Amino acid sequence: MAINYADKIPNNVDLAENKQLQRALEHWQPKYLDWWREMGPESSVNHDVYLRTAVSVDAKGWAEFGYVKMPDYRWGIFLTPPEKDRLVPFGSHKGEHAWNEVPGEYRSTLRRIIVTQGDTEPASVEQQRLLGQICPSLYDLRNLYQVNVEEGRHLWAMVYLLHAYFGRDGREEGEALLERRSGDADKPRILGAFNEKTPDWLSFFMFTFLTDRDGKYQLAALAESGFDPLARSTRFMLTEEAHHLFVGETGIGRILQRTAEVMNEQKTDDPEKLRRCGVIDIPTIQKYLNFHFSVTLDLYGSEVSSNASNFFQMGLKGRFEEEKLKDDHRLSDAEYPILEPVGERLVEKHHPALLALNERLRDDYIKDCQGGVDRWNKTLEKMGVKTKLTLPHKAFHRKIGVFAESHISPDGKVLSEADWTRHSSDWVPTKADHEHVQSVMKREVEPGKYASYIAPPARGINNQPHGFEYVKFH
């Protein structure tokens, strides 16, 4: 499906055929651009950035690359092609024809799902708006901007659904998505992780590796939805999301590579000596991993959730790769194990699978994260570094769910509050850790040059040569 770039709002949904909807979105568009200028990447409006832009939703050759000024980026509305005679794949409506209109009895629930997903997109742009001022290279600056414009387009995807299917309520929700602000005391973003600061590039890479990976799993669950426009929107969003995960995984991998190089050059693993060489020591990287992983796990919500059960039974939000799973897709009698703190132990208890859907999705996510950590460890091993990174236990440092009131170590031991206080500085970043990471965040914008703490990438974007000018300043 080609995308019509002749329209004011690029789309592949025949927007020109629905004049009322077209006018409503064209009314929203200037407000979006005002938000972008206020809350998008700082001091970037005149840069020419080598960006990819979607030109179709075909998996083969769906994007083109070229220099664009970000306020001129052609944000738009792109849905994957409809699947003929598609059926609802799960829940109480399994086997019925998928809906192209909102089922009246699910209207408020579906709107809430779309708004919550939509709210994460501008939030991440707001969290990252100052990172360009301390970019480690033009390559990384370009990747930051690519992530930012695509998060902006994902906001467009959800706003289209709100305008097209929810009338006045949807238009009001679309306005509110531009009014909330990440970290604002009065109008914060809906989910806690999206109100955290992203003050440095190690945090940004952790965010794109971990929190954007949560986005992958949430979008994949919505891509199974019986509400077909939502499923088709999120399937294309997943295509764009893959690059965000690449940015995070390779970014951390390059930081580890540079640290390992200096460890070998200096023949030391002493954190203080390595810090004086302008790199980030592995224990500090581990602490950042612990923190960002635990914060992201909370995004999945409580282990036992009637809301998640309702979403599934209604046919609105499925499981990861729902149609590949070998069960009845109704889960009427199925069970799923959940860990719970009981005294000084963590005990596995079985709960109805319908109530444990959040935990099932969280477990799928953890397995995926482990794959990335394994790849980093292979990089360290190849460079002769024996230290390995590890994912902390799923109960570690949690603020939501059954572990919210417990103190759990990274290896899964239940601790007293006194033990937690005594050791927590070994497990999560301290003020001194943050200060060191901030101290190496030197801006580097000469083509082909990189900050002291990060190695060059293995290859350039779209196979561009080393030293390519990914961002042109004016």
Protein backbone atom coordinates (compact mmCIF):
# COMPACT_ATOMS: atom_id res chain seq x y z
CA MET A 1 0.00 0.00 0.00
CA ALA A 2 1.62 3.22 -1.21
CA ILE A 3 1.38 6.32 0.96
CA ASN A 4 -0.17 9.44 -0.53
CA TYR A 5 2.31 12.27 0.00
CA ALA A 6 0.27 14.74 -2.07
CA ASP A 7 -2.08 15.34 0.86
CA LYS A 8 -1.36 17.79 3.66
CA ILE A 9 -1.35 14.77 5.99
CA PRO A 10 0.34 11.79 4.25
CA ASN A 11 -1.82 8.69 4.59
CA ASN A 12 -2.93 5.40 3.06
CA VAL A 13 -6.46 5.49 4.51
CA ASP A 14 -8.14 7.66 1.82
CA LEU A 15 -8.35 10.57 4.23
CA ALA A 16 -9.53 12.90 1.44
CA GLU A 17 -12.71 10.84 1.17
CA ASN A 18 -13.73 11.78 4.72
CA LYS A 19 -13.74 15.58 4.75
CA GLN A 20 -14.93 15.90 8.35
CA LEU A 21 -12.13 13.69 9.64
CA GLN A 22 -9.60 15.39 7.37
CA ARG A 23 -10.58 18.83 8.70
CA ALA A 24 -10.39 17.61 12.31
CA LEU A 25 -6.88 16.20 11.85
CA GLU A 26 -5.75 19.29 9.92
CA HIS A 27 -6.99 21.34 12.88
CA TRP A 28 -4.91 19.14 15.23
CA GLN A 29 -1.79 19.27 13.05
CA PRO A 30 -0.65 22.86 13.89
CA LYS A 31 -1.07 22.11 17.59
CA TYR A 32 1.12 19.05 17.15
CA LEU A 33 3.79 21.16 15.41
CA ASP A 34 3.62 23.73 18.22
CA TRP A 35 4.17 20.88 20.69
CA TRP A 36 7.11 19.61 18.64
CA ARG A 37 8.77 23.03 18.55
CA GLU A 38 8.28 23.44 22.30
CA MET A 39 9.01 19.90 23.53
CA GLY A 40 10.83 18.18 20.66
CA PRO A 41 14.64 18.00 20.35
CA GLU A 42 16.23 21.18 21.69
CA SER A 43 17.64 23.67 19.13
CA SER A 44 17.19 21.31 16.19
CA VAL A 45 14.63 22.96 13.92
CA ASN A 46 17.17 24.12 11.31
CA HIS A 47 19.28 20.95 11.16
CA ASP A 48 19.28 18.85 7.99
CA VAL A 49 19.05 15.28 9.27
CA TYR A 50 19.60 12.10 7.26
CA LEU A 51 16.32 10.39 8.13
CA ARG A 52 14.28 7.51 6.80
CA THR A 53 10.70 8.29 5.83
CA ALA A 54 8.02 5.68 5.24
CA VAL A 55 6.85 5.58 1.62
CA SER A 56 4.72 2.44 1.84
CA VAL A 57 3.70 -0.25 4.31
CA ASP A 58 5.18 -3.05 2.24
CA ALA A 59 7.76 -4.91 4.34
CA LYS A 60 10.15 -4.77 1.37
CA GLY A 61 11.43 -1.31 0.54
CA TRP A 62 9.04 0.57 2.82
CA ALA A 63 11.28 3.58 3.51
CA GLU A 64 13.57 6.08 1.77
CA PHE A 65 16.52 7.97 3.19
CA GLY A 66 17.37 11.63 2.71
CA TYR A 67 18.05 14.94 4.41
CA VAL A 68 15.02 16.48 6.12
CA LYS A 69 14.49 19.36 8.52
CA MET A 70 12.57 17.74 11.35
CA PRO A 71 9.65 20.22 11.49
CA ASP A 72 9.16 19.35 7.79
CA TYR A 73 9.14 15.59 8.40
CA ARG A 74 6.01 14.12 6.80
CA TRP A 75 4.25 12.63 9.79
CA GLY A 76 1.19 10.73 8.71
CA ILE A 77 -1.27 7.86 9.09
CA PHE A 78 -0.19 4.45 7.84
CA LEU A 79 -2.04 1.16 8.35
CA THR A 80 -1.00 -2.25 7.07
CA PRO A 81 -3.30 -3.72 4.39
CA PRO A 82 -6.53 -5.27 5.66
CA GLU A 83 -6.64 -9.05 5.88
CA LYS A 84 -9.68 -10.37 4.04
CA ASP A 85 -12.28 -11.99 6.32
CA ARG A 86 -10.04 -11.60 9.37
CA LEU A 87 -11.46 -13.18 12.54
CA VAL A 88 -11.05 -12.23 16.19
CA PRO A 89 -8.27 -14.63 17.29
CA PHE A 90 -8.95 -14.87 21.04
CA GLY A 91 -11.32 -14.20 23.90
CA SER A 92 -15.07 -14.59 24.11
CA HIS A 93 -15.48 -13.34 20.51
CA LYS A 94 -12.95 -15.79 19.06
CA GLY A 95 -13.96 -16.83 15.55
CA GLU A 96 -16.24 -13.83 14.93
CA HIS A 97 -15.42 -11.34 12.19
CA ALA A 98 -12.98 -8.66 13.33
CA TRP A 99 -14.57 -5.25 13.91
CA ASN A 100 -14.05 -2.23 11.69
CA GLU A 101 -16.17 -0.10 14.00
CA VAL A 102 -15.90 0.22 17.77
CA PRO A 103 -18.23 -2.22 19.59
CA GLY A 104 -20.46 0.05 21.65
CA GLU A 105 -20.12 -1.96 24.86
CA TYR A 106 -16.30 -1.71 24.69
CA ARG A 107 -16.05 1.93 23.66
CA SER A 108 -14.63 3.42 26.87
CA THR A 109 -12.25 0.51 27.47
CA LEU A 110 -10.86 0.62 23.95
CA ARG A 111 -10.46 4.40 24.11
CA ARG A 112 -8.48 4.06 27.35
CA ILE A 113 -6.16 1.47 25.77
CA ILE A 114 -5.49 3.74 22.78
CA VAL A 115 -4.95 6.84 24.94
CA THR A 116 -2.51 5.04 27.24
CA GLN A 117 -0.48 3.77 24.28
CA GLY A 118 -0.64 7.17 22.60
CA ASP A 119 0.56 8.96 25.73
CA THR A 120 3.85 7.04 25.80
CA GLU A 121 4.90 8.33 22.37
CA PRO A 122 5.23 12.10 23.01
CA ALA A 123 6.41 11.34 26.55
CA SER A 124 9.60 9.66 25.31
CA VAL A 125 10.32 12.59 22.97
CA GLU A 126 9.98 14.95 25.93
CA GLN A 127 12.28 12.80 28.07
CA GLN A 128 14.97 12.87 25.38
CA ARG A 129 14.72 16.49 24.22
CA LEU A 130 18.05 17.69 25.69
CA LEU A 131 20.22 14.74 24.65
CA GLY A 132 21.31 16.36 21.40
CA GLN A 133 23.32 18.86 23.42
CA ILE A 134 25.61 16.05 24.66
CA CYS A 135 25.56 13.66 21.68
CA PRO A 136 28.59 11.34 21.38
CA SER A 137 28.66 11.53 17.55
CA LEU A 138 26.69 12.63 14.50
CA TYR A 139 25.76 8.98 13.93
CA ASP A 140 24.17 8.83 17.39
CA LEU A 141 22.54 12.24 17.05
CA ARG A 142 20.90 11.11 13.84
CA ASN A 143 19.65 7.93 15.52
CA LEU A 144 18.18 9.97 18.38
CA TYR A 145 16.34 12.17 15.90
CA GLN A 146 15.09 9.13 13.96
CA VAL A 147 13.66 7.65 17.14
CA ASN A 148 12.08 11.00 18.00
CA VAL A 149 10.30 11.54 14.68
CA GLU A 150 9.00 7.97 14.65
CA GLU A 151 7.66 8.28 18.20
CA GLY A 152 5.91 11.40 16.90
CA ARG A 153 4.41 9.40 14.05
CA HIS A 154 3.24 6.74 16.46
CA LEU A 155 1.38 9.48 18.28
CA TRP A 156 -0.27 10.35 14.97
CA ALA A 157 -1.34 6.70 14.60
CA MET A 158 -3.21 6.75 17.90
CA VAL A 159 -4.66 10.23 17.34
CA TYR A 160 -6.05 9.08 13.99
CA LEU A 161 -7.88 6.23 15.73
CA LEU A 162 -9.25 8.61 18.39
CA HIS A 163 -10.49 11.10 15.78
CA ALA A 164 -11.80 8.52 13.33
CA TYR A 165 -13.68 6.27 15.77
CA PHE A 166 -14.47 8.18 18.97
CA GLY A 167 -16.05 11.44 17.87
CA ARG A 168 -15.88 14.42 20.21
CA ASP A 169 -14.44 12.32 23.06
CA GLY A 170 -11.62 11.21 20.78
CA ARG A 171 -10.85 14.77 19.67
CA GLU A 172 -10.67 15.89 23.30
CA GLU A 173 -8.34 13.00 24.15
CA GLY A 174 -6.16 13.96 21.17
CA GLU A 175 -5.85 17.49 22.56
CA ALA A 176 -4.98 16.16 26.02
CA LEU A 177 -2.12 14.08 24.58
CA LEU A 178 -0.42 17.36 23.69
CA GLU A 179 -1.13 18.97 27.06
CA ARG A 180 0.45 16.44 29.44
CA ARG A 181 4.20 16.71 30.01
CA SER A 182 6.77 14.13 31.10
CA GLY A 183 7.69 14.71 34.74
CA ASP A 184 5.27 17.61 35.21
CA ALA A 185 3.94 17.77 38.78
CA ASP A 186 0.48 18.94 37.69
CA LYS A 187 0.00 17.18 34.33
CA PRO A 188 2.35 14.15 34.24
CA ARG A 189 2.30 11.42 31.65
CA ILE A 190 0.05 8.45 32.47
CA LEU A 191 2.70 5.77 33.12
CA GLY A 192 5.43 6.24 35.73
CA ALA A 193 8.43 5.22 33.60
CA PHE A 194 7.59 8.00 31.18
CA ASN A 195 8.01 10.62 33.88
CA GLU A 196 11.60 9.56 34.65
CA LYS A 197 14.45 11.76 33.41
CA THR A 198 16.73 10.68 30.58
CA PRO A 199 19.73 12.90 31.36
CA ASP A 200 22.53 11.03 29.57
CA TRP A 201 23.17 8.66 26.68
CA LEU A 202 23.65 5.57 28.82
CA SER A 203 20.11 6.16 30.10
CA PHE A 204 18.90 6.75 26.53
CA PHE A 205 20.39 3.49 25.29
CA MET A 206 18.90 1.64 28.27
CA PHE A 207 15.54 3.26 27.49
CA THR A 208 15.62 2.23 23.83
CA PHE A 209 16.82 -1.29 24.66
CA LEU A 210 14.45 -1.88 27.60
CA THR A 211 11.50 0.53 27.55
CA ASP A 212 11.08 0.54 23.78
CA ARG A 213 11.19 -3.25 24.00
CA ASP A 214 8.21 -3.02 26.35
CA GLY A 215 6.64 -0.96 23.56
CA LYS A 216 7.31 -3.83 21.16
CA TYR A 217 5.45 -6.28 23.41
CA GLN A 218 2.55 -3.94 24.12
CA LEU A 219 2.19 -3.16 20.40
CA ALA A 220 2.42 -6.87 19.52
CA ALA A 221 -0.41 -7.61 21.98
CA LEU A 222 -2.50 -4.82 20.43
CA ALA A 223 -1.65 -6.06 16.92
CA GLU A 224 -3.78 -9.13 17.75
CA SER A 225 -6.80 -6.95 18.58
CA GLY A 226 -10.23 -7.80 17.25
CA PHE A 227 -10.63 -4.06 16.52
CA ASP A 228 -8.98 -4.22 13.11
CA PRO A 229 -7.92 -0.55 12.68
CA LEU A 230 -5.95 -0.80 15.93
CA ALA A 231 -4.33 -4.07 14.87
CA ARG A 232 -3.38 -2.63 11.47
CA SER A 233 -1.96 0.56 13.01
CA THR A 234 0.20 -1.21 15.55
CA ARG A 235 1.55 -3.73 13.05
CA PHE A 236 3.15 -0.94 11.06
CA MET A 237 4.36 0.75 14.25
CA LEU A 238 6.22 -2.48 15.05
CA THR A 239 8.12 -2.16 11.74
CA GLU A 240 9.47 1.22 12.84
CA GLU A 241 10.04 0.11 16.44
CA ALA A 242 12.69 -2.41 15.40
CA HIS A 243 15.20 0.37 14.73
CA HIS A 244 14.67 1.81 18.22
CA LEU A 245 15.65 -1.54 19.77
CA PHE A 246 18.69 -1.66 17.46
CA VAL A 247 19.77 1.79 18.67
CA GLY A 248 19.60 0.66 22.31
CA GLU A 249 21.27 -2.72 21.97
CA THR A 250 24.10 -1.55 19.74
CA GLY A 251 24.56 1.65 21.75
CA ILE A 252 25.18 -0.24 24.98
CA GLY A 253 27.26 -2.79 23.06
CA ARG A 254 29.50 0.01 21.76
CA ILE A 255 29.90 1.48 25.27
CA LEU A 256 30.93 -1.97 26.54
CA GLN A 257 33.32 -2.41 23.61
CA ARG A 258 35.05 0.89 24.36
CA THR A 259 35.28 0.08 28.08
CA ALA A 260 36.77 -3.34 27.25
CA GLU A 261 39.30 -1.72 24.90
CA VAL A 262 40.50 0.59 27.68
CA MET A 263 40.54 -2.28 30.21
CA ASN A 264 42.87 -4.16 27.86
CA GLU A 265 45.02 -1.11 27.11
CA GLN A 266 45.41 -0.21 30.79
CA LYS A 267 45.45 -3.83 31.98
CA THR A 268 42.96 -3.04 34.74
CA ASP A 269 39.35 -3.58 35.75
CA ASP A 270 39.53 -1.03 38.56
CA PRO A 271 36.46 1.24 38.19
CA GLU A 272 38.23 4.37 39.44
CA LYS A 273 41.17 3.96 37.05
CA LEU A 274 38.78 3.34 34.16
CA ARG A 275 36.73 6.39 35.06
CA ARG A 276 39.87 8.53 34.91
CA CYS A 277 40.32 7.26 31.33
CA GLY A 278 36.95 8.72 30.34
CA VAL A 279 34.94 5.49 29.99
CA ILE A 280 32.03 4.00 31.93
CA ASP A 281 33.02 1.06 34.13
CA ILE A 282 31.04 -2.18 33.89
CA PRO A 283 29.71 -2.09 37.49
CA THR A 284 28.09 1.28 36.72
CA ILE A 285 26.58 -0.08 33.50
CA GLN A 286 25.20 -2.99 35.54
CA LYS A 287 23.56 -0.58 37.99
CA TYR A 288 21.91 1.33 35.14
CA LEU A 289 20.68 -1.96 33.70
CA ASN A 290 19.25 -2.95 37.09
CA PHE A 291 17.40 0.33 37.49
CA HIS A 292 15.95 0.68 34.00
CA PHE A 293 14.97 -2.98 33.80
CA SER A 294 13.05 -2.82 37.09
CA VAL A 295 11.28 0.42 36.14
CA THR A 296 10.25 -1.08 32.81
CA LEU A 297 8.93 -4.27 34.41
CA ASP A 298 6.47 -2.10 36.34
CA LEU A 299 4.96 -0.93 33.03
CA TYR A 300 3.31 -4.34 32.68
CA GLY A 301 1.17 -3.67 35.76
CA SER A 302 0.12 -6.01 38.52
CA GLU A 303 0.78 -9.72 38.18
CA VAL A 304 -2.90 -10.49 38.78
CA SER A 305 -5.07 -8.09 36.80
CA SER A 306 -8.79 -8.06 36.13
CA ASN A 307 -8.25 -5.28 33.58
CA ALA A 308 -5.91 -7.42 31.48
CA SER A 309 -8.39 -10.29 31.77
CA ASN A 310 -11.21 -8.06 30.56
CA PHE A 311 -9.15 -6.75 27.63
CA PHE A 312 -8.46 -10.33 26.56
CA GLN A 313 -12.01 -11.61 26.99
CA MET A 314 -13.35 -8.61 25.08
CA GLY A 315 -10.98 -9.40 22.19
CA LEU A 316 -9.21 -6.03 22.48
CA LYS A 317 -5.67 -7.00 23.53
CA GLY A 318 -4.13 -10.43 23.11
CA ARG A 319 -0.89 -12.11 24.06
CA PHE A 320 2.46 -11.86 22.29
CA GLU A 321 2.16 -13.76 18.98
CA GLU A 322 -1.29 -14.96 20.03
CA GLU A 323 -2.02 -16.92 16.89
CA LYS A 324 1.16 -19.00 17.24
CA LEU A 325 0.21 -20.22 20.72
CA LYS A 326 -1.05 -23.79 21.03
CA ASP A 327 -4.11 -23.51 23.29
CA ASP A 328 -7.80 -22.69 22.98
CA HIS A 329 -7.19 -18.88 23.01
CA ARG A 330 -9.98 -18.52 25.56
CA LEU A 331 -8.07 -19.62 28.69
CA SER A 332 -11.24 -20.56 30.53
CA ASP A 333 -9.60 -23.30 32.62
CA ALA A 334 -5.88 -22.61 32.12
CA GLU A 335 -3.46 -21.60 34.89
CA TYR A 336 -0.18 -19.64 34.95
CA PRO A 337 2.54 -19.55 37.67
CA ILE A 338 3.23 -16.31 39.54
CA LEU A 339 5.98 -15.69 42.10
CA GLU A 340 4.92 -14.09 45.37
CA PRO A 341 6.84 -13.11 48.51
CA VAL A 342 5.87 -15.29 51.48
CA GLY A 343 7.87 -14.40 54.57
CA GLU A 344 11.54 -14.70 53.67
CA ARG A 345 10.96 -16.71 50.49
CA LEU A 346 9.59 -16.25 46.99
CA VAL A 347 6.95 -18.90 46.34
CA GLU A 348 5.41 -19.89 43.00
CA LYS A 349 1.62 -20.06 43.01
CA HIS A 350 -0.71 -20.92 40.16
CA HIS A 351 -3.43 -18.45 39.21
CA PRO A 352 -6.08 -18.46 36.49
CA ALA A 353 -4.28 -17.66 33.23
CA LEU A 354 -6.92 -15.06 32.40
CA LEU A 355 -5.86 -13.05 35.45
CA ALA A 356 -2.12 -13.56 34.85
CA LEU A 357 -1.88 -12.07 31.35
CA ASN A 358 0.32 -9.18 32.47
CA GLU A 359 2.76 -11.64 33.99
CA ARG A 360 2.75 -13.80 30.86
CA LEU A 361 3.64 -10.77 28.72
CA ARG A 362 6.29 -9.68 31.24
CA ASP A 363 7.88 -13.16 31.12
CA ASP A 364 7.98 -13.07 27.31
CA TYR A 365 9.66 -9.67 27.53
CA ILE A 366 12.27 -10.89 30.05
CA LYS A 367 13.31 -13.75 27.73
CA ASP A 368 13.80 -11.27 24.89
CA CYS A 369 15.88 -8.94 27.09
CA GLN A 370 18.07 -11.86 28.12
CA GLY A 371 18.95 -12.47 24.49
CA GLY A 372 20.34 -8.95 24.19
CA VAL A 373 22.33 -9.30 27.43
CA ASP A 374 23.78 -12.59 26.14
CA ARG A 375 24.97 -10.81 22.99
CA TRP A 376 26.70 -8.11 25.06
CA ASN A 377 28.43 -10.78 27.12
CA LYS A 378 29.71 -12.45 23.97
CA THR A 379 31.24 -9.11 22.95
CA LEU A 380 32.98 -8.86 26.33
CA GLU A 381 34.13 -12.49 26.14
CA LYS A 382 35.64 -11.99 22.68
CA MET A 383 37.62 -9.06 24.06
CA GLY A 384 38.97 -11.14 26.94
CA VAL A 385 36.81 -9.54 29.65
CA LYS A 386 35.54 -12.07 32.19
CA THR A 387 32.92 -9.79 33.78
CA LYS A 388 29.36 -10.47 32.62
CA LEU A 389 26.21 -8.39 32.77
CA THR A 390 23.11 -9.97 34.26
CA LEU A 391 19.44 -9.13 34.34
CA PRO A 392 18.29 -8.65 37.93
CA HIS A 393 15.53 -10.84 39.33
CA LYS A 394 12.03 -9.82 38.22
CA ALA A 395 11.20 -8.97 41.86
CA PHE A 396 14.10 -6.54 42.26
CA HIS A 397 13.34 -2.84 42.93
CA ARG A 398 9.68 -3.11 41.97
CA LYS A 399 7.12 -0.41 42.81
CA ILE A 400 4.00 -2.04 41.34
CA GLY A 401 2.47 -5.47 41.96
CA VAL A 402 3.10 -8.19 44.52
CA PHE A 403 6.71 -7.09 45.16
CA ALA A 404 5.94 -3.40 45.73
CA GLU A 405 6.26 -3.65 49.52
CA SER A 406 9.20 -6.09 49.52
CA HIS A 407 12.95 -5.62 49.38
CA ILE A 408 14.49 -8.12 46.97
CA SER A 409 18.15 -8.38 45.95
CA PRO A 410 19.19 -8.68 42.28
CA ASP A 411 19.68 -12.42 42.76
CA GLY A 412 16.18 -12.88 44.21
CA LYS A 413 16.78 -12.97 47.97
CA VAL A 414 14.20 -11.40 50.29
CA LEU A 415 15.89 -8.73 52.44
CA SER A 416 15.04 -6.70 55.50
CA GLU A 417 14.70 -2.95 55.04
CA ALA A 418 18.01 -2.49 56.89
CA ASP A 419 19.82 -4.91 54.54
CA TRP A 420 18.31 -3.17 51.53
CA THR A 421 19.45 0.24 52.78
CA ARG A 422 22.93 -1.11 53.45
CA HIS A 423 23.41 -2.62 49.98
CA SER A 424 21.18 -0.68 47.57
CA SER A 425 24.03 1.63 46.52
CA ASP A 426 25.76 -1.48 45.13
CA TRP A 427 22.78 -2.25 42.92
CA VAL A 428 21.26 1.00 41.65
CA PRO A 429 23.06 4.15 40.45
CA THR A 430 24.23 6.53 43.16
CA LYS A 431 24.67 10.27 42.89
CA ALA A 432 28.40 9.67 42.27
CA ASP A 433 27.58 7.22 39.46
CA HIS A 434 25.27 9.73 37.80
CA GLU A 435 27.89 12.45 38.16
CA HIS A 436 30.57 10.32 36.53
CA VAL A 437 28.33 9.33 33.62
CA GLN A 438 27.36 12.97 33.16
CA SER A 439 31.03 14.00 33.25
CA VAL A 440 31.91 11.93 30.16
CA MET A 441 28.95 13.20 28.14
CA LYS A 442 31.06 15.45 25.90
CA ARG A 443 29.41 16.62 22.70
CA GLU A 444 31.14 15.38 19.56
CA VAL A 445 29.80 16.61 16.21
CA GLU A 446 32.82 16.28 13.91
CA PRO A 447 31.95 13.69 11.25
CA GLY A 448 33.58 10.34 12.02
CA LYS A 449 34.59 11.27 15.57
CA TYR A 450 33.19 9.69 18.76
CA ALA A 451 33.14 10.61 22.45
CA SER A 452 35.67 8.89 24.71
CA TYR A 453 33.22 6.36 26.18
CA ILE A 454 31.76 4.81 23.01
CA ALA A 455 33.15 2.86 20.05
CA PRO A 456 32.20 3.55 16.41
CA PRO A 457 29.39 1.40 14.95
CA ALA A 458 30.17 -1.67 12.90
CA ARG A 459 28.51 -0.08 9.85
CA GLY A 460 26.80 3.16 8.93
CA ILE A 461 23.09 3.82 8.55
CA ASN A 462 21.92 2.73 5.09
CA ASN A 463 25.53 1.55 4.54
CA GLN A 464 26.92 5.08 4.62
CA PRO A 465 30.73 5.36 4.94
CA HIS A 466 32.64 6.19 8.10
CA GLY A 467 32.71 9.96 8.47
CA PHE A 468 29.33 10.51 6.78
CA GLU A 469 27.72 13.81 7.76
CA TYR A 470 24.46 12.52 9.22
CA VAL A 471 23.42 15.92 10.55
CA LYS A 472 24.16 19.26 8.88
CA PHE A 473 23.99 22.28 11.15
CA HIS A 474 22.86 25.76 10.07
